[in-house]
Amino acid sequence: MSGNNFHVHGPHDHELEHAAHHGGDASTNSIAVATAVIATVGALFSYMGGATQSNAGLYKNNAAIKKTEASNQWNFYQSKSSKQNLAELGLQLTVGEVKDNFTKEALRYKTEKEDIKVKAEALEKESSDWDHQSDEQLHIHHRWAQATTVLQISIALAAISLLTKQSWLKVGMYVVAGGGVLLGVAAWMHL
């Protein structure tokens, strides 16, 4: 804060000026650079995690749509089956030309049912495929989320290392960051 040639530094301002004029030690600089790199990689992993989560939701929605379409086909199939049953009942209760009409109707409904059944089964398979893809995307999303979390922990270790000047925490930061990168590679490879 300054005014009328009077200037007061906050504690962090003094440290920043000291580092700028005298340079920080190599360890501090390497941790700062590593933290920036880790944060950048973490941001990319976080983006990929969000993208795969969105895909999982979209694919699950597609599965539900196909399942509804299959259900509609099965309802249509049931309707044709009921009509076929009524035609077959009419066939048993009538004679002559009326009986011939019921025979034709029963055969027509039977043929129509087969086409509907094929469509319904195809839609159910499509729904199952979308479900499977959604599950895969959700698994990959969890990998990205794990990788991002581990990288965030490594950034926290970096901050603690800087504050405590403990070299073992610096090593820990690099080890944990390496684990986060490996989890990110596993996500990228769909493992």
Protein backbone atom coordinates (compact mmCIF):
# COMPACT_ATOMS: atom_id res chain seq x y z
CA MET A 1 0.00 0.00 0.00
CA SER A 2 1.50 3.34 -0.92
CA GLY A 3 0.57 6.98 -0.83
CA ASN A 4 2.48 10.24 -0.13
CA ASN A 5 5.84 8.46 -0.43
CA PHE A 6 4.92 6.02 2.31
CA HIS A 7 5.04 2.35 1.31
CA VAL A 8 4.11 -0.68 3.43
CA HIS A 9 4.88 -4.23 2.32
CA GLY A 10 2.86 -7.28 3.17
CA PRO A 11 4.92 -10.29 4.29
CA HIS A 12 4.43 -12.08 0.98
CA ASP A 13 5.43 -8.94 -0.97
CA HIS A 14 8.79 -8.91 0.78
CA GLU A 15 9.42 -12.56 -0.06
CA LEU A 16 8.46 -12.03 -3.71
CA GLU A 17 10.75 -9.00 -4.02
CA HIS A 18 13.56 -10.88 -2.31
CA ALA A 19 13.16 -13.82 -4.70
CA ALA A 20 12.99 -11.48 -7.70
CA HIS A 21 16.13 -9.53 -6.72
CA HIS A 22 18.18 -12.34 -5.31
CA GLY A 23 16.70 -15.31 -7.15
CA GLY A 24 15.17 -18.27 -5.40
CA ASP A 25 17.15 -21.36 -4.66
CA ALA A 26 17.20 -24.08 -7.33
CA SER A 27 14.97 -26.36 -5.29
CA THR A 28 12.27 -23.72 -4.90
CA ASN A 29 12.38 -22.88 -8.58
CA SER A 30 12.19 -26.53 -9.64
CA ILE A 31 9.20 -27.11 -7.36
CA ALA A 32 7.47 -24.02 -8.74
CA VAL A 33 8.01 -25.15 -12.33
CA ALA A 34 6.97 -28.72 -11.52
CA THR A 35 3.82 -27.42 -9.83
CA ALA A 36 2.90 -25.40 -12.93
CA VAL A 37 3.46 -28.41 -15.18
CA ILE A 38 1.50 -30.71 -12.87
CA ALA A 39 -1.36 -28.19 -12.71
CA THR A 40 -1.45 -27.97 -16.51
CA VAL A 41 -1.48 -31.76 -16.91
CA GLY A 42 -4.15 -31.94 -14.21
CA ALA A 43 -6.30 -29.44 -16.09
CA LEU A 44 -6.06 -31.57 -19.23
CA PHE A 45 -6.94 -34.70 -17.28
CA SER A 46 -9.88 -32.91 -15.71
CA TYR A 47 -11.13 -31.88 -19.15
CA MET A 48 -10.88 -35.46 -20.40
CA GLY A 49 -12.70 -36.68 -17.29
CA GLY A 50 -15.55 -34.27 -17.98
CA ALA A 51 -15.70 -35.27 -21.64
CA THR A 52 -15.91 -38.97 -20.86
CA GLN A 53 -18.56 -38.32 -18.20
CA SER A 54 -20.62 -36.42 -20.78
CA ASN A 55 -20.19 -39.24 -23.27
CA ALA A 56 -21.30 -41.79 -20.69
CA GLY A 57 -24.48 -39.80 -20.05
CA LEU A 58 -25.15 -39.34 -23.75
CA TYR A 59 -24.64 -43.04 -24.47
CA LYS A 60 -26.88 -44.02 -21.55
CA ASN A 61 -29.55 -41.70 -22.95
CA ASN A 62 -29.22 -43.34 -26.37
CA ALA A 63 -29.59 -46.75 -24.70
CA ALA A 64 -32.79 -45.61 -23.00
CA ILE A 65 -34.19 -44.26 -26.28
CA LYS A 66 -33.47 -47.54 -28.07
CA LYS A 67 -34.95 -49.50 -25.18
CA THR A 68 -38.14 -47.41 -25.44
CA GLU A 69 -38.28 -47.98 -29.19
CA ALA A 70 -37.84 -51.73 -28.60
CA SER A 71 -40.62 -51.65 -26.00
CA ASN A 72 -42.88 -49.90 -28.51
CA GLN A 73 -42.13 -52.64 -31.04
CA TRP A 74 -42.89 -55.35 -28.49
CA ASN A 75 -46.20 -53.63 -27.70
CA PHE A 76 -46.95 -53.56 -31.42
CA TYR A 77 -45.98 -57.26 -31.58
CA GLN A 78 -48.37 -58.00 -28.71
CA SER A 79 -51.16 -56.14 -30.51
CA LYS A 80 -50.61 -58.21 -33.66
CA SER A 81 -50.50 -61.36 -31.56
CA SER A 82 -53.86 -60.51 -29.99
CA LYS A 83 -55.34 -59.87 -33.43
CA GLN A 84 -53.90 -63.16 -34.67
CA ASN A 85 -55.46 -64.97 -31.71
CA LEU A 86 -58.84 -63.38 -32.44
CA ALA A 87 -58.57 -64.35 -36.11
CA GLU A 88 -57.70 -67.93 -35.12
CA LEU A 89 -60.69 -67.98 -32.77
CA GLY A 90 -62.88 -66.70 -35.61
CA LEU A 91 -61.46 -69.44 -37.78
CA GLN A 92 -62.62 -72.05 -35.27
CA LEU A 93 -66.10 -70.57 -34.93
CA THR A 94 -66.98 -69.99 -38.60
CA VAL A 95 -67.37 -71.86 -41.87
CA GLY A 96 -67.19 -71.08 -45.58
CA GLU A 97 -65.96 -67.80 -47.02
CA VAL A 98 -65.81 -66.11 -43.59
CA LYS A 99 -63.54 -68.91 -42.41
CA ASP A 100 -61.22 -68.29 -45.39
CA ASN A 101 -61.03 -64.58 -44.48
CA PHE A 102 -60.06 -65.45 -40.89
CA THR A 103 -57.38 -67.85 -42.21
CA LYS A 104 -55.87 -65.07 -44.36
CA GLU A 105 -56.00 -62.61 -41.45
CA ALA A 106 -54.32 -65.06 -39.06
CA LEU A 107 -51.50 -65.67 -41.56
CA ARG A 108 -51.09 -61.95 -42.23
CA TYR A 109 -50.78 -61.17 -38.51
CA LYS A 110 -48.31 -64.02 -38.05
CA THR A 111 -46.11 -62.65 -40.87
CA GLU A 112 -46.34 -59.07 -39.56
CA LYS A 113 -45.37 -60.27 -36.08
CA GLU A 114 -42.16 -61.83 -37.38
CA ASP A 115 -41.05 -58.54 -38.98
CA ILE A 116 -41.88 -56.64 -35.79
CA LYS A 117 -39.99 -59.19 -33.69
CA VAL A 118 -36.85 -58.75 -35.82
CA LYS A 119 -37.04 -54.94 -35.39
CA ALA A 120 -37.62 -55.22 -31.63
CA GLU A 121 -34.67 -57.58 -31.16
CA ALA A 122 -32.40 -55.32 -33.23
CA LEU A 123 -33.42 -52.30 -31.13
CA GLU A 124 -32.74 -54.25 -27.92
CA LYS A 125 -29.26 -55.14 -29.20
CA GLU A 126 -28.63 -51.49 -30.08
CA SER A 127 -29.74 -50.49 -26.58
CA SER A 128 -27.39 -53.06 -25.07
CA ASP A 129 -24.50 -51.78 -27.22
CA TRP A 130 -25.13 -48.18 -26.09
CA ASP A 131 -25.26 -49.37 -22.47
CA HIS A 132 -21.92 -51.13 -22.90
CA GLN A 133 -20.33 -48.02 -24.42
CA SER A 134 -21.71 -45.91 -21.57
CA ASP A 135 -20.19 -48.28 -19.00
CA GLU A 136 -16.82 -48.09 -20.78
CA GLN A 137 -16.90 -44.29 -20.81
CA LEU A 138 -17.81 -44.18 -17.13
CA HIS A 139 -14.88 -46.46 -16.31
CA ILE A 140 -12.52 -44.21 -18.25
CA HIS A 141 -14.04 -41.16 -16.54
CA HIS A 142 -13.18 -42.70 -13.16
CA ARG A 143 -9.58 -43.22 -14.32
CA TRP A 144 -9.31 -39.56 -15.40
CA ALA A 145 -10.83 -38.45 -12.08
CA GLN A 146 -8.35 -40.63 -10.15
CA ALA A 147 -5.45 -39.19 -12.16
CA THR A 148 -6.64 -35.63 -11.55
CA THR A 149 -7.05 -36.24 -7.81
CA VAL A 150 -3.58 -37.74 -7.49
CA LEU A 151 -2.07 -34.76 -9.33
CA GLN A 152 -3.90 -32.40 -6.97
CA ILE A 153 -2.40 -34.28 -4.03
CA SER A 154 1.07 -33.87 -5.56
CA ILE A 155 0.48 -30.11 -5.85
CA ALA A 156 -0.48 -30.03 -2.17
CA LEU A 157 2.72 -31.94 -1.35
CA ALA A 158 4.69 -29.35 -3.36
CA ALA A 159 3.20 -26.53 -1.30
CA ILE A 160 3.95 -28.33 1.96
CA SER A 161 7.49 -29.05 0.73
CA LEU A 162 8.05 -25.37 -0.01
CA LEU A 163 6.74 -24.31 3.38
CA THR A 164 8.57 -26.93 5.44
CA LYS A 165 11.72 -27.18 3.31
CA GLN A 166 11.54 -30.96 3.69
CA SER A 167 13.31 -32.65 0.79
CA TRP A 168 11.50 -35.96 1.32
CA LEU A 169 8.21 -34.15 0.60
CA LYS A 170 9.69 -32.89 -2.66
CA VAL A 171 10.56 -36.48 -3.61
CA GLY A 172 7.07 -37.53 -2.53
CA MET A 173 5.56 -34.85 -4.74
CA TYR A 174 7.40 -36.20 -7.79
CA VAL A 175 6.49 -39.81 -6.97
CA VAL A 176 2.82 -38.98 -6.47
CA ALA A 177 2.79 -36.86 -9.66
CA GLY A 178 4.30 -39.81 -11.53
CA GLY A 179 1.51 -42.02 -10.21
CA GLY A 180 -1.05 -39.48 -11.42
CA VAL A 181 0.51 -39.42 -14.87
CA LEU A 182 0.45 -43.24 -14.98
CA LEU A 183 -3.25 -43.19 -14.11
CA GLY A 184 -3.77 -40.65 -16.90
CA VAL A 185 -1.94 -42.92 -19.34
CA ALA A 186 -4.16 -45.81 -18.20
CA ALA A 187 -7.24 -43.67 -18.89
CA TRP A 188 -5.90 -42.64 -22.30
CA MET A 189 -5.27 -46.31 -23.15
CA HIS A 190 -8.78 -47.22 -21.90
CA LEU A 191 -7.44 -49.54 -19.18
